[in-house]
Every structure is written in C-alpha cells, then in structure tokens.
Amino acid sequence: MRAVNLLLVPVLLLLLALPFSRGRYNDDFDDGEDIADFDDNDFAEFEDMNEDGAAETETAPPPRASPSASLPEEEEDEDEATVELEEEQDGFEESDSNDQDMYTYDQDEFEGVRDMDKPGHSMKDNKLIIHKVPPHLQNSWESYYMEILMVTGLLAYIMNYIIGKNKNSRLAHTWFNSHRELLESNFALVGDDGTSKEAVSTGKLNQENEHIYNLWCSGRVCCEGMLIQLKFLKRQDLLNVLARMMRPACDQVQIKVTLNDDDMDTFVFAVGTKKAMAKMQKDMQDLSEFCSDKPKSGAKYGLPESLAILTEMGEVTDGVMDSKMVHFITSHADKIESIHLSDQFSGPKVMQEEGQPLKLPETKKTLLFTFNVPGMGNTSPKDMDSLLPLMNMVIYSIDKVKKLRLNREGKQKADRNRARVEENFLKQTHAQRQEAAQTRREEKKRAEKERIMNEEDPERQRRLEEAAQRREQKKIEKKQMKMKQIKVKAM
C-alpha cells in the first residue's frame, strides 16, 4: 500500500498542474481567437517575448506550497504593488515636469505668443487676407482671345474664298454667254480642252484655277488658233483683297491669235497706254529689237493722248490705223491696255545665267490683245458684256493684217532690219560659240585618249596613237596652207 501511495503523489501533482496551464491558455486566447491571428498584429515582437516567458513558467511547474505559507506571500505581494504604484506616480510627476521644460520657449524668439495665450485675445484680430487671382489665370473668355481671333480669321478666310471663287466663276460664264454666238459664227471649234486626240468643241470654259479661265478656238481662215484667257483678280485670297484696298487693280482679258506663215507680212507694230508701251518695249524681245525709237503719240491719227504707238516703220502705222480701227480704239480707249502685232513674236526676253542663248529664239506671227475690264475690281456682269465690241475689233484685226502688204521699199527695209538683228546676235554670241566649239573639241580628244588607254593590245594601242598623230599633223598643215593663201592674196 505504501508503494501505491508513493505512485499516486506524482499523478495528483500532474492533475493539479494541467488545469492551471489550461486556464492560462484560455485567458490569453479567449472568445475563440486563433493563435496565428494573435501573432499577426502590430505588436507581434512584444507578444513573442511574452509567449517565451509564459512557456518557461509552463515547463517549470510551481512547487507545491502549504496553506500556512501562502498568507505571508500575499501580504508581501500587496506591499510590492503599493511600492510600484508610488514609484509610477513619482515617474508621471517627473515626466510632467520634463514636458513643461520641453515646451518652454524664449519670448524674444516667438513674438506675440504670450498675447495669444491671454484670455482677452480673440481670433478676430488676425484677419485672413485673400489675394485676387491674376486675370491670366482666371477661367474667363478673356483668357481665350488669341484662340477667338484665330478662329475668326480662319472663318473669314474661308468665307472670302467661297465668295471670291463664286464671283469669278459667275463673271467668266457671263462673258462666255455674251460672246458665244460671235465666237461660234467665226470659228468652227470653240472650247477644246485638249484632253482628247481629236478636236472636239465642248462649248465650255476651261478653268485653270480659281481666277484664270481659258478658251481655245480654231477653225478659221488664215488663223491657226486663238487662245482667250480671262485673268480675274484673286478674289478668293483674303490677303490679296486687303492689298488691293491699298493698290487697286482691274480684271483683264488677254487674246492671243496665231496666224499662218503666209498670212502676215514682215512688220512689228504696237499701240496702247504709255505705261504699257514703255514696259513692253523693255521686256518684249521683238519690240526692243525692231522698235528702238521711243513711243510716239497717236494724236496724229486721232487717238487719245493717253495712248502711244510703237512701230517698225511709218508705212505700217498708216496701213493698220485706218478709220474703222481708229473708231474702235477711240470708242473703247479706257478698256484697251495694249495691241501688239508682230511677225517676230517670241515672248519676253530670255535672261540666262550663263550668258545669252547660242541660237535665235523661235518666232511666230502673232496678234496679242490685252483689255481691261471696267470697274477697277468692282466688276459686274454688265461690265463683262461691254467687252463684246472689242471682240469684234479682234476679228476685224485678223482680216486687216491678212490683207496688209508692204510695198517694195518697205519690204526691203524690213528684210534689212531682220538681217541686222541676226548679225548683231551672231556677233554677241561669237565668243560663246567659239568657247562651245573648243569645249566640244577637247571632249572629243579626251574620249579618243581614253579609248587608246583602255586598249589592252600594246601593238594596236601603238597603231592608234600613230593614227592620232597623223591626223593632228594634217590639221596643222591645212592651217599653214590657209595662212599662205591669205598672205598671197594680201600681196
């Protein structure tokens, strides 16, 4: 029995220890909390330390104490608790004093703080100052004046483009409708656009751009063709419209008639405003060469003082300016810019950077008419209809030039003038033609030397060099023979 009692003592001690440890765990994890969730809080580090201490107490079970010794231990624990409370109160008092020392401040360093602590001080004395937002940062229409101006300008340009384009088109079709009957009665083909191989009369104007319209007519006696060009102002361009306010201009109608070679005699003649004649004499190749005299007044033939005449010879002026032609010109002097009749027409002077051309320009027997549309830019459809008598003058001029023939003296003078112009041209281009010939000879020699050097056979290369030397020797002998002949003739 004693042995059994000795075995029961450790078992009873283990049974007493198990409820104590189970209560510890139940106190720490109450309400069914999970240990893993408890470890994931913000103070997991400190909780690990507490858990280590708890584990140590659990592994070492407390010694069994007698009831008589438990009372003095409880009294000692109460005394220790009172001492700890007193020490904590002393610590709080010391921390309060330290906090007051930390928040003490220098009066010189922080001005006005004492006044704010006073009970009479109020926040009404500290007024909140609100600054106004600058105008350029405010969200108003004034901030977008540049964008508004740009959009307004763009809309104005688009509106002007549409209005100007429509007006030019309306004026062009008004002119064509008023002249169509006259043109169809004098030409077999009116309005060929040149797109088809066979000539087809379309009966329509060909629009080159928003302010230029073309009309090609052909199929008439003594006339290869007639090109009519309506040059309107750039009404579709807003900048051009603004520039025209400072410098007014007018619309123009240019008519170019190309005659056959046998249907016009050899002469050059022009009539028009003084300003236009001076400009054409300076710019046009034929007028500058054959009409070297200054423009003469047309008062002798009954023309207005505003018009001047350029002519190659007086006989041409007498033949062209008959009574009917003078009537046309005087009746519509305000609409006539220039009338240019020439068998040597080649257009404006050709200005080349590398000197003058080596050949005379090709010439055509041409009649060129330039008419100003009334209105000085403010053209109306009635102004386009008023140009119909001038078209009648063009048709009359074609027939007049075909019938005009110079007498024998006038013909000889015209031929001498053309020979003189050709001779002057050859003299001016003689040095250039020599340079061109020398350049061609040098290029020929260089090509021949390259061919000899590229020959692989030495024997053949030698024979080619000997042949080149013989040719050079023959050229030198020919030059010497010519020099001897010239000396004999001089003697």
Protein backbone atom coordinates (compact mmCIF):
# COMPACT_ATOMS: atom_id res chain seq x y z
CA MET A 1 0.00 0.00 0.00
CA ARG A 2 2.84 2.37 0.72
CA ALA A 3 4.22 1.79 -2.76
CA VAL A 4 0.87 2.59 -4.27
CA ASN A 5 0.64 5.80 -2.28
CA LEU A 6 4.06 6.86 -3.49
CA LEU A 7 2.91 6.42 -7.09
CA LEU A 8 -0.31 8.41 -6.55
CA VAL A 9 1.53 11.50 -5.30
CA PRO A 10 3.17 12.37 -8.72
CA VAL A 11 -0.12 11.65 -10.51
CA LEU A 12 -2.00 14.07 -8.28
CA LEU A 13 0.64 16.74 -8.88
CA LEU A 14 0.27 16.36 -12.66
CA LEU A 15 -3.50 16.60 -12.42
CA LEU A 16 -3.19 19.84 -10.42
CA ALA A 17 -0.74 21.31 -12.98
CA LEU A 18 -2.93 20.60 -16.04
CA PRO A 19 -5.90 22.83 -15.05
CA PHE A 20 -3.53 25.70 -14.24
CA SER A 21 -1.84 25.63 -17.66
CA ARG A 22 -5.21 25.20 -19.43
CA GLY A 23 -6.53 28.27 -17.67
CA ARG A 24 -3.53 30.28 -18.72
CA TYR A 25 -4.17 29.47 -22.37
CA ASN A 26 -7.85 30.18 -22.06
CA ASP A 27 -7.12 33.59 -20.51
CA ASP A 28 -4.73 34.54 -23.31
CA PHE A 29 -6.98 33.31 -26.18
CA ASP A 30 -10.49 33.95 -25.14
CA ASP A 31 -13.57 34.25 -27.39
CA GLY A 32 -12.17 31.56 -29.69
CA GLU A 33 -9.35 33.65 -31.13
CA ASP A 34 -6.76 31.87 -33.21
CA ILE A 35 -3.11 31.87 -32.19
CA ALA A 36 -1.96 32.65 -35.73
CA ASP A 37 -4.23 35.72 -35.84
CA PHE A 38 -2.95 36.83 -32.50
CA ASP A 39 0.65 36.70 -33.75
CA ASP A 40 -0.12 38.86 -36.87
CA ASN A 41 -0.92 42.08 -35.03
CA ASP A 42 1.31 45.16 -34.90
CA PHE A 43 2.94 44.16 -31.63
CA ALA A 44 3.91 40.61 -32.57
CA GLU A 45 7.50 41.21 -31.45
CA PHE A 46 6.48 42.03 -27.88
CA GLU A 47 3.96 39.21 -27.82
CA ASP A 48 6.67 36.73 -28.78
CA MET A 49 8.64 37.81 -25.75
CA ASN A 50 5.56 37.31 -23.50
CA GLU A 51 4.95 33.92 -25.01
CA ASP A 52 8.56 32.86 -24.31
CA GLY A 53 8.12 33.85 -20.61
CA ALA A 54 4.80 32.00 -20.41
CA ALA A 55 6.39 28.89 -21.91
CA GLU A 56 9.12 28.93 -19.29
CA THR A 57 6.56 29.11 -16.46
CA GLU A 58 4.55 26.32 -18.00
CA THR A 59 7.51 23.97 -18.44
CA ALA A 60 8.54 24.50 -14.80
CA PRO A 61 5.50 23.68 -12.65
CA PRO A 62 5.21 25.70 -9.45
CA PRO A 63 6.27 23.98 -6.23
CA ARG A 64 3.57 22.76 -4.02
CA ALA A 65 3.09 25.18 -1.12
CA SER A 66 1.43 24.69 2.15
CA PRO A 67 -1.60 26.77 3.20
CA SER A 68 0.25 28.30 6.05
CA ALA A 69 2.97 29.81 3.80
CA SER A 70 0.56 31.35 1.27
CA LEU A 71 -0.69 34.13 3.55
CA PRO A 72 2.67 35.85 4.16
CA GLU A 73 3.38 35.72 0.42
CA GLU A 74 0.11 37.50 -0.36
CA GLU A 75 0.94 40.25 2.12
CA GLU A 76 4.37 40.69 0.55
CA ASP A 77 2.77 40.95 -2.96
CA GLU A 78 0.41 43.71 -1.77
CA ASP A 79 3.32 45.65 -0.29
CA GLU A 80 5.26 45.37 -3.56
CA ALA A 81 2.22 46.55 -5.54
CA THR A 82 1.82 49.65 -3.36
CA VAL A 83 5.52 50.45 -3.77
CA GLU A 84 5.27 50.08 -7.55
CA LEU A 85 2.23 52.39 -7.67
CA GLU A 86 4.05 55.04 -5.68
CA GLU A 87 7.08 54.77 -7.99
CA GLU A 88 4.83 55.09 -11.06
CA GLN A 89 3.18 58.22 -9.64
CA ASP A 90 6.62 59.70 -8.99
CA GLY A 91 7.58 58.85 -12.61
CA PHE A 92 4.45 60.57 -14.01
CA GLU A 93 5.18 63.68 -11.97
CA GLU A 94 8.75 63.76 -13.22
CA SER A 95 7.58 63.29 -16.87
CA ASP A 96 5.07 66.17 -16.48
CA SER A 97 7.81 68.44 -15.24
CA ASN A 98 10.07 67.36 -18.10
CA ASP A 99 7.29 68.08 -20.64
CA GLN A 100 6.84 71.55 -19.22
CA ASP A 101 10.56 72.14 -19.55
CA MET A 102 10.48 70.95 -23.17
CA TYR A 103 7.64 73.32 -24.15
CA THR A 104 9.13 76.40 -22.56
CA TYR A 105 10.09 78.98 -25.20
CA ASP A 106 12.04 82.15 -25.48
CA GLN A 107 9.92 85.30 -25.56
CA ASP A 108 12.33 87.04 -27.91
CA GLU A 109 12.24 84.19 -30.37
CA PHE A 110 8.44 83.79 -30.54
CA GLU A 111 6.80 87.18 -30.51
CA GLY A 112 3.10 87.53 -29.93
CA VAL A 113 2.63 84.04 -28.47
CA ARG A 114 2.03 85.37 -24.96
CA ASP A 115 -0.61 87.70 -26.28
CA MET A 116 -2.44 84.81 -27.90
CA ASP A 117 -2.43 82.92 -24.58
CA LYS A 118 -4.17 85.80 -22.83
CA PRO A 119 -7.93 85.34 -22.27
CA GLY A 120 -8.76 88.73 -23.83
CA HIS A 121 -7.12 87.78 -27.13
CA SER A 122 -9.51 86.67 -29.90
CA MET A 123 -9.02 85.26 -33.43
CA LYS A 124 -10.94 88.18 -34.87
CA ASP A 125 -7.82 90.35 -34.69
CA ASN A 126 -5.98 88.00 -37.13
CA LYS A 127 -7.75 88.82 -40.42
CA LEU A 128 -7.41 86.28 -43.26
CA ILE A 129 -6.03 88.03 -46.34
CA ILE A 130 -7.30 86.54 -49.64
CA HIS A 131 -5.33 87.57 -52.71
CA LYS A 132 -7.11 88.03 -56.01
CA VAL A 133 -6.33 85.54 -58.79
CA PRO A 134 -4.42 87.21 -61.68
CA PRO A 135 -6.53 87.80 -64.81
CA HIS A 136 -4.41 85.48 -66.97
CA LEU A 137 -5.16 82.61 -64.56
CA GLN A 138 -8.88 83.19 -64.37
CA ASN A 139 -11.16 80.89 -66.35
CA SER A 140 -12.95 83.52 -68.46
CA TRP A 141 -13.45 84.45 -72.12
CA GLU A 142 -10.65 86.99 -71.88
CA SER A 143 -8.18 84.14 -71.48
CA TYR A 144 -9.05 82.81 -74.94
CA TYR A 145 -8.85 85.99 -77.01
CA MET A 146 -5.99 84.62 -79.15
CA GLU A 147 -7.94 81.47 -79.97
CA ILE A 148 -11.03 83.54 -80.72
CA LEU A 149 -9.06 85.78 -83.09
CA MET A 150 -7.54 82.79 -84.88
CA VAL A 151 -10.88 81.06 -85.34
CA THR A 152 -12.48 84.31 -86.52
CA GLY A 153 -9.68 84.88 -89.03
CA LEU A 154 -9.96 81.33 -90.33
CA LEU A 155 -13.72 81.64 -90.78
CA ALA A 156 -13.27 84.98 -92.55
CA TYR A 157 -10.70 83.44 -94.92
CA ILE A 158 -12.99 80.52 -95.74
CA MET A 159 -15.98 82.76 -96.34
CA ASN A 160 -13.93 85.10 -98.55
CA TYR A 161 -12.58 82.11 -100.52
CA ILE A 162 -16.07 80.82 -101.25
CA ILE A 163 -17.48 84.25 -102.14
CA GLY A 164 -14.48 85.26 -104.31
CA LYS A 165 -14.38 81.96 -106.18
CA ASN A 166 -18.09 82.09 -106.93
CA LYS A 167 -17.88 85.68 -108.16
CA ASN A 168 -15.00 84.93 -110.58
CA SER A 169 -16.89 81.93 -111.91
CA ARG A 170 -20.05 83.98 -112.36
CA LEU A 171 -18.17 86.74 -114.24
CA ALA A 172 -16.41 84.22 -116.51
CA HIS A 173 -19.64 82.49 -117.50
CA THR A 174 -21.32 85.85 -118.07
CA TRP A 175 -18.56 86.80 -120.51
CA PHE A 176 -18.76 83.47 -122.31
CA ASN A 177 -22.54 83.61 -122.67
CA SER A 178 -22.38 87.10 -124.20
CA HIS A 179 -19.54 86.20 -126.64
CA ARG A 180 -20.51 82.64 -127.50
CA GLU A 181 -22.64 83.49 -130.53
CA LEU A 182 -19.91 85.67 -132.08
CA LEU A 183 -17.21 83.06 -131.49
CA GLU A 184 -19.24 80.18 -132.90
CA SER A 185 -20.02 82.22 -136.02
CA ASN A 186 -16.31 82.85 -136.72
CA PHE A 187 -14.66 79.62 -135.53
CA ALA A 188 -15.55 76.02 -136.23
CA LEU A 189 -14.26 74.80 -132.86
CA VAL A 190 -14.99 76.66 -129.63
CA GLY A 191 -13.87 75.34 -126.25
CA ASP A 192 -11.46 72.48 -126.99
CA ASP A 193 -9.92 71.34 -123.68
CA GLY A 194 -7.11 69.31 -125.33
CA THR A 195 -7.79 66.11 -123.40
CA SER A 196 -8.90 64.05 -126.42
CA LYS A 197 -6.84 63.20 -129.51
CA GLU A 198 -9.49 64.53 -131.86
CA ALA A 199 -10.50 68.17 -131.72
CA VAL A 200 -13.92 68.37 -130.09
CA SER A 201 -15.90 71.53 -129.47
CA THR A 202 -17.00 71.40 -125.84
CA GLY A 203 -18.57 74.85 -125.72
CA LYS A 204 -17.25 75.39 -122.20
CA LEU A 205 -14.57 77.42 -120.49
CA ASN A 206 -11.53 75.60 -119.17
CA GLN A 207 -10.83 76.61 -115.56
CA GLU A 208 -7.10 76.72 -114.89
CA ASN A 209 -7.51 77.84 -111.27
CA GLU A 210 -9.87 79.95 -109.17
CA HIS A 211 -9.06 83.20 -111.03
CA ILE A 212 -7.92 82.15 -114.55
CA TYR A 213 -10.20 80.73 -117.27
CA ASN A 214 -9.08 79.68 -120.77
CA LEU A 215 -10.92 79.24 -124.06
CA TRP A 216 -9.34 77.78 -127.21
CA CYS A 217 -10.86 78.50 -130.61
CA SER A 218 -9.73 77.28 -134.03
CA GLY A 219 -11.06 76.52 -137.49
CA ARG A 220 -10.88 79.86 -139.28
CA VAL A 221 -9.26 81.12 -142.46
CA CYS A 222 -5.67 82.47 -142.06
CA CYS A 223 -5.71 81.62 -138.38
CA GLU A 224 -4.12 78.62 -136.67
CA GLY A 225 -5.92 79.28 -133.45
CA MET A 226 -6.98 81.81 -130.86
CA LEU A 227 -6.42 81.49 -127.12
CA ILE A 228 -8.58 83.65 -124.85
CA GLN A 229 -7.52 83.97 -121.24
CA LEU A 230 -9.69 85.62 -118.59
CA LYS A 231 -7.43 86.82 -115.79
CA PHE A 232 -9.53 87.86 -112.83
CA LEU A 233 -8.32 89.28 -109.56
CA LYS A 234 -7.55 86.83 -106.77
CA ARG A 235 -10.82 87.46 -105.00
CA GLN A 236 -10.55 84.10 -103.25
CA ASP A 237 -7.37 85.23 -101.47
CA LEU A 238 -8.09 87.38 -98.41
CA LEU A 239 -4.56 88.81 -98.30
CA ASN A 240 -4.82 89.86 -101.94
CA VAL A 241 -8.16 91.52 -101.22
CA LEU A 242 -6.61 93.52 -98.38
CA ALA A 243 -3.62 94.50 -100.55
CA ARG A 244 -5.94 95.64 -103.33
CA MET A 245 -7.52 98.15 -100.94
CA MET A 246 -4.19 99.98 -100.91
CA ARG A 247 -3.38 99.40 -104.58
CA PRO A 248 -6.47 98.95 -106.77
CA ALA A 249 -6.29 96.76 -109.87
CA CYS A 250 -8.68 95.52 -112.53
CA ASP A 251 -9.54 92.26 -114.28
CA GLN A 252 -8.05 91.60 -117.71
CA VAL A 253 -8.86 89.68 -120.89
CA GLN A 254 -5.88 88.54 -122.98
CA ILE A 255 -6.37 87.27 -126.53
CA LYS A 256 -3.54 85.62 -128.46
CA VAL A 257 -4.08 84.91 -132.16
CA THR A 258 -1.53 82.78 -134.04
CA LEU A 259 -1.53 83.32 -137.83
CA ASN A 260 -0.22 81.18 -140.62
CA ASP A 261 3.23 81.98 -142.02
CA ASP A 262 1.89 83.20 -145.37
CA ASP A 263 -0.93 85.30 -143.96
CA MET A 264 1.10 88.15 -142.43
CA ASP A 265 3.77 90.41 -143.86
CA THR A 266 7.04 91.31 -142.12
CA PHE A 267 6.35 94.12 -139.65
CA VAL A 268 6.11 94.88 -135.93
CA PHE A 269 3.53 97.27 -134.51
CA ALA A 270 2.02 98.09 -131.11
CA VAL A 271 -0.42 100.60 -129.67
CA GLY A 272 -1.61 101.09 -126.10
CA THR A 273 -1.22 103.17 -122.97
CA LYS A 274 2.08 104.98 -122.50
CA LYS A 275 2.94 103.00 -119.40
CA ALA A 276 2.22 99.69 -121.12
CA MET A 277 4.25 100.64 -124.23
CA ALA A 278 7.30 101.61 -122.18
CA LYS A 279 7.14 98.34 -120.25
CA MET A 280 6.63 96.20 -123.36
CA GLN A 281 9.49 97.86 -125.21
CA LYS A 282 11.75 96.96 -122.32
CA ASP A 283 10.55 93.40 -121.76
CA MET A 284 9.49 92.07 -125.18
CA GLN A 285 12.21 90.69 -127.44
CA ASP A 286 10.75 91.86 -130.79
CA LEU A 287 9.75 95.36 -129.68
CA SER A 288 13.16 96.02 -128.12
CA GLU A 289 14.97 94.97 -131.35
CA PHE A 290 12.74 96.31 -134.15
CA CYS A 291 11.10 99.30 -132.43
CA SER A 292 14.07 101.03 -130.86
CA ASP A 293 12.56 104.53 -131.07
CA LYS A 294 10.60 105.97 -128.16
CA PRO A 295 6.80 105.56 -128.17
CA LYS A 296 5.13 108.23 -130.29
CA SER A 297 1.86 109.98 -129.61
CA GLY A 298 -1.22 108.82 -131.51
CA ALA A 299 -2.75 112.29 -131.77
CA LYS A 300 -1.74 112.37 -135.45
CA TYR A 301 -4.23 109.58 -136.15
CA GLY A 302 -6.94 110.93 -133.87
CA LEU A 303 -6.15 108.74 -130.87
CA PRO A 304 -6.50 109.98 -127.28
CA GLU A 305 -3.46 111.47 -125.55
CA SER A 306 -3.28 108.55 -123.14
CA LEU A 307 -2.32 106.17 -125.97
CA ALA A 308 1.07 105.79 -127.67
CA ILE A 309 2.37 103.92 -130.73
CA LEU A 310 5.44 101.74 -131.31
CA THR A 311 6.15 100.88 -134.94
CA GLU A 312 8.96 99.45 -137.06
CA MET A 313 8.27 101.88 -139.91
CA GLY A 314 5.76 104.61 -140.71
CA GLU A 315 4.21 102.66 -143.55
CA VAL A 316 2.96 100.01 -141.13
CA THR A 317 1.20 102.61 -138.97
CA ASP A 318 -0.56 104.10 -141.98
CA GLY A 319 -1.71 100.67 -143.11
CA VAL A 320 -3.00 99.48 -139.73
CA MET A 321 -4.63 102.66 -138.39
CA ASP A 322 -7.50 103.05 -140.84
CA SER A 323 -10.75 104.83 -139.96
CA LYS A 324 -12.54 101.73 -138.63
CA MET A 325 -9.61 100.70 -136.45
CA VAL A 326 -9.31 104.25 -135.10
CA HIS A 327 -13.04 104.24 -134.29
CA PHE A 328 -12.72 101.01 -132.31
CA ILE A 329 -9.76 102.33 -130.34
CA THR A 330 -11.13 105.77 -129.56
CA SER A 331 -14.55 104.41 -128.57
CA HIS A 332 -13.03 101.99 -126.04
CA ALA A 333 -9.77 103.70 -125.12
CA ASP A 334 -10.41 103.20 -121.39
CA LYS A 335 -10.59 99.43 -121.87
CA ILE A 336 -7.56 98.96 -124.14
CA GLU A 337 -4.29 98.13 -122.42
CA SER A 338 -2.24 97.14 -125.50
CA ILE A 339 -2.47 95.83 -129.08
CA HIS A 340 0.64 94.02 -130.32
CA LEU A 341 1.05 92.84 -133.96
CA SER A 342 4.35 91.10 -134.82
CA ASP A 343 5.83 88.59 -137.23
CA GLN A 344 8.83 88.12 -134.90
CA PHE A 345 6.97 87.44 -131.67
CA SER A 346 8.98 85.24 -129.28
CA GLY A 347 7.66 86.42 -125.94
CA PRO A 348 9.60 88.17 -123.19
CA LYS A 349 13.38 88.40 -123.20
CA VAL A 350 15.13 85.25 -122.06
CA MET A 351 17.51 86.01 -119.20
CA GLN A 352 20.00 83.18 -118.76
CA GLU A 353 22.60 82.95 -116.02
CA GLU A 354 25.32 81.61 -118.34
CA GLY A 355 25.22 84.38 -120.93
CA GLN A 356 22.97 84.70 -123.98
CA PRO A 357 21.46 81.76 -125.89
CA LEU A 358 23.51 80.41 -128.82
CA LYS A 359 20.51 80.31 -131.18
CA LEU A 360 17.89 82.83 -132.11
CA PRO A 361 14.56 82.16 -130.40
CA GLU A 362 11.76 80.69 -132.49
CA THR A 363 9.30 83.29 -133.72
CA LYS A 364 5.61 83.17 -134.60
CA LYS A 365 3.35 85.59 -136.44
CA THR A 366 1.11 86.64 -133.60
CA LEU A 367 -1.55 89.20 -132.69
CA LEU A 368 -1.76 89.92 -128.96
CA PHE A 369 -4.60 91.94 -127.38
CA THR A 370 -4.94 92.96 -123.71
CA PHE A 371 -8.17 94.56 -122.48
CA ASN A 372 -9.02 95.98 -119.06
CA VAL A 373 -12.42 95.17 -117.59
CA PRO A 374 -14.20 98.29 -116.25
CA GLY A 375 -14.87 98.69 -112.57
CA MET A 376 -11.35 98.62 -111.10
CA GLY A 377 -12.02 95.43 -109.19
CA ASN A 378 -15.74 96.05 -108.54
CA THR A 379 -16.69 94.25 -111.75
CA SER A 380 -20.32 93.50 -112.51
CA PRO A 381 -21.83 91.19 -115.16
CA LYS A 382 -22.74 94.26 -117.24
CA ASP A 383 -19.06 95.20 -117.42
CA MET A 384 -18.26 91.79 -118.90
CA ASP A 385 -20.98 92.26 -121.52
CA SER A 386 -19.49 95.63 -122.51
CA LEU A 387 -16.38 93.86 -123.90
CA LEU A 388 -18.26 92.44 -126.88
CA PRO A 389 -17.32 95.33 -129.28
CA LEU A 390 -13.64 94.66 -128.54
CA MET A 391 -14.03 91.06 -129.71
CA ASN A 392 -15.41 92.44 -132.96
CA MET A 393 -12.23 94.54 -133.21
CA VAL A 394 -10.11 91.40 -132.80
CA ILE A 395 -11.93 89.66 -135.65
CA TYR A 396 -11.51 92.76 -137.81
CA SER A 397 -7.78 92.96 -136.98
CA ILE A 398 -7.22 89.38 -138.15
CA ASP A 399 -8.72 90.17 -141.54
CA LYS A 400 -6.92 93.53 -141.69
CA VAL A 401 -3.46 92.00 -141.07
CA LYS A 402 -4.06 89.32 -143.69
CA LYS A 403 -4.81 91.97 -146.34
CA LEU A 404 -1.99 94.34 -145.34
CA ARG A 405 1.02 94.15 -147.65
CA LEU A 406 4.10 96.37 -147.65
CA ASN A 407 5.41 98.00 -150.78
CA ARG A 408 8.80 97.14 -152.27
CA GLU A 409 10.76 99.68 -150.26
CA GLY A 410 9.06 98.75 -147.02
CA LYS A 411 9.72 95.07 -147.69
CA GLN A 412 13.42 95.70 -148.31
CA LYS A 413 13.71 97.79 -145.18
CA ALA A 414 12.05 95.09 -143.09
CA ASP A 415 14.45 92.46 -144.53
CA ARG A 416 17.45 94.66 -143.73
CA ASN A 417 16.22 95.10 -140.18
CA ARG A 418 15.94 91.36 -139.70
CA ALA A 419 19.37 90.73 -141.19
CA ARG A 420 20.82 93.40 -138.88
CA VAL A 421 19.24 91.80 -135.81
CA GLU A 422 20.61 88.40 -136.81
CA GLU A 423 24.08 89.79 -137.42
CA ASN A 424 24.14 91.57 -134.07
CA PHE A 425 23.08 88.38 -132.41
CA LEU A 426 25.86 86.40 -134.09
CA LYS A 427 28.44 88.99 -133.05
CA GLN A 428 27.29 88.91 -129.45
CA THR A 429 27.35 85.13 -129.35
CA HIS A 430 30.57 84.67 -131.37
CA ALA A 431 32.81 84.30 -128.32
CA GLN A 432 30.35 81.94 -126.68
CA ARG A 433 30.11 79.82 -129.83
CA GLN A 434 33.92 79.63 -130.00
CA GLU A 435 34.08 78.51 -126.39
CA ALA A 436 31.41 75.90 -127.07
CA ALA A 437 33.28 74.61 -130.14
CA GLN A 438 36.57 74.45 -128.20
CA THR A 439 34.82 72.54 -125.43
CA ARG A 440 33.46 70.03 -127.94
CA ARG A 441 36.92 69.51 -129.47
CA GLU A 442 38.51 68.96 -126.07
CA GLU A 443 35.83 66.46 -125.12
CA LYS A 444 36.41 64.60 -128.39
CA LYS A 445 40.18 64.43 -127.78
CA ARG A 446 39.67 63.25 -124.22
CA ALA A 447 37.32 60.49 -125.36
CA GLU A 448 39.83 59.35 -128.01
CA LYS A 449 42.69 59.24 -125.46
CA GLU A 450 40.58 57.21 -123.06
CA ARG A 451 39.79 54.74 -125.85
CA ILE A 452 43.51 54.34 -126.63
CA MET A 453 44.43 53.89 -122.96
CA ASN A 454 41.72 51.27 -122.48
CA GLU A 455 43.12 49.18 -125.35
CA GLU A 456 44.72 46.01 -123.94
CA ASP A 457 46.77 45.04 -127.01
CA PRO A 458 50.04 47.09 -126.99
CA GLU A 459 50.50 46.78 -130.77
CA ARG A 460 47.02 48.04 -131.50
CA GLN A 461 47.46 50.83 -128.94
CA ARG A 462 50.63 51.94 -130.74
CA ARG A 463 48.87 52.00 -134.12
CA LEU A 464 46.01 54.10 -132.70
CA GLU A 465 48.48 56.64 -131.28
CA GLU A 466 50.26 56.92 -134.64
CA ALA A 467 46.94 57.47 -136.44
CA ALA A 468 46.00 60.24 -133.97
CA GLN A 469 49.37 61.94 -134.52
CA ARG A 470 48.94 61.82 -138.32
CA ARG A 471 45.52 63.45 -138.06
CA GLU A 472 46.91 66.25 -135.90
CA GLN A 473 49.74 66.77 -138.38
CA LYS A 474 47.30 67.07 -141.30
CA LYS A 475 45.27 69.69 -139.43
CA ILE A 476 48.40 71.74 -138.79
CA GLU A 477 49.42 71.54 -142.48
CA LYS A 478 45.95 72.71 -143.59
CA LYS A 479 46.15 75.72 -141.29
CA GLN A 480 49.56 76.60 -142.68
CA MET A 481 48.29 76.37 -146.28
CA LYS A 482 45.40 78.70 -145.45
CA MET A 483 47.77 81.23 -143.90
CA LYS A 484 49.97 81.15 -147.04
CA GLN A 485 46.97 81.71 -149.29
CA ILE A 486 45.86 84.68 -147.22
CA LYS A 487 49.34 86.22 -147.42
CA VAL A 488 49.43 85.76 -151.24
CA LYS A 489 46.04 87.42 -151.62
CA ALA A 490 47.17 90.31 -149.42
CA MET A 491 50.22 90.86 -151.65
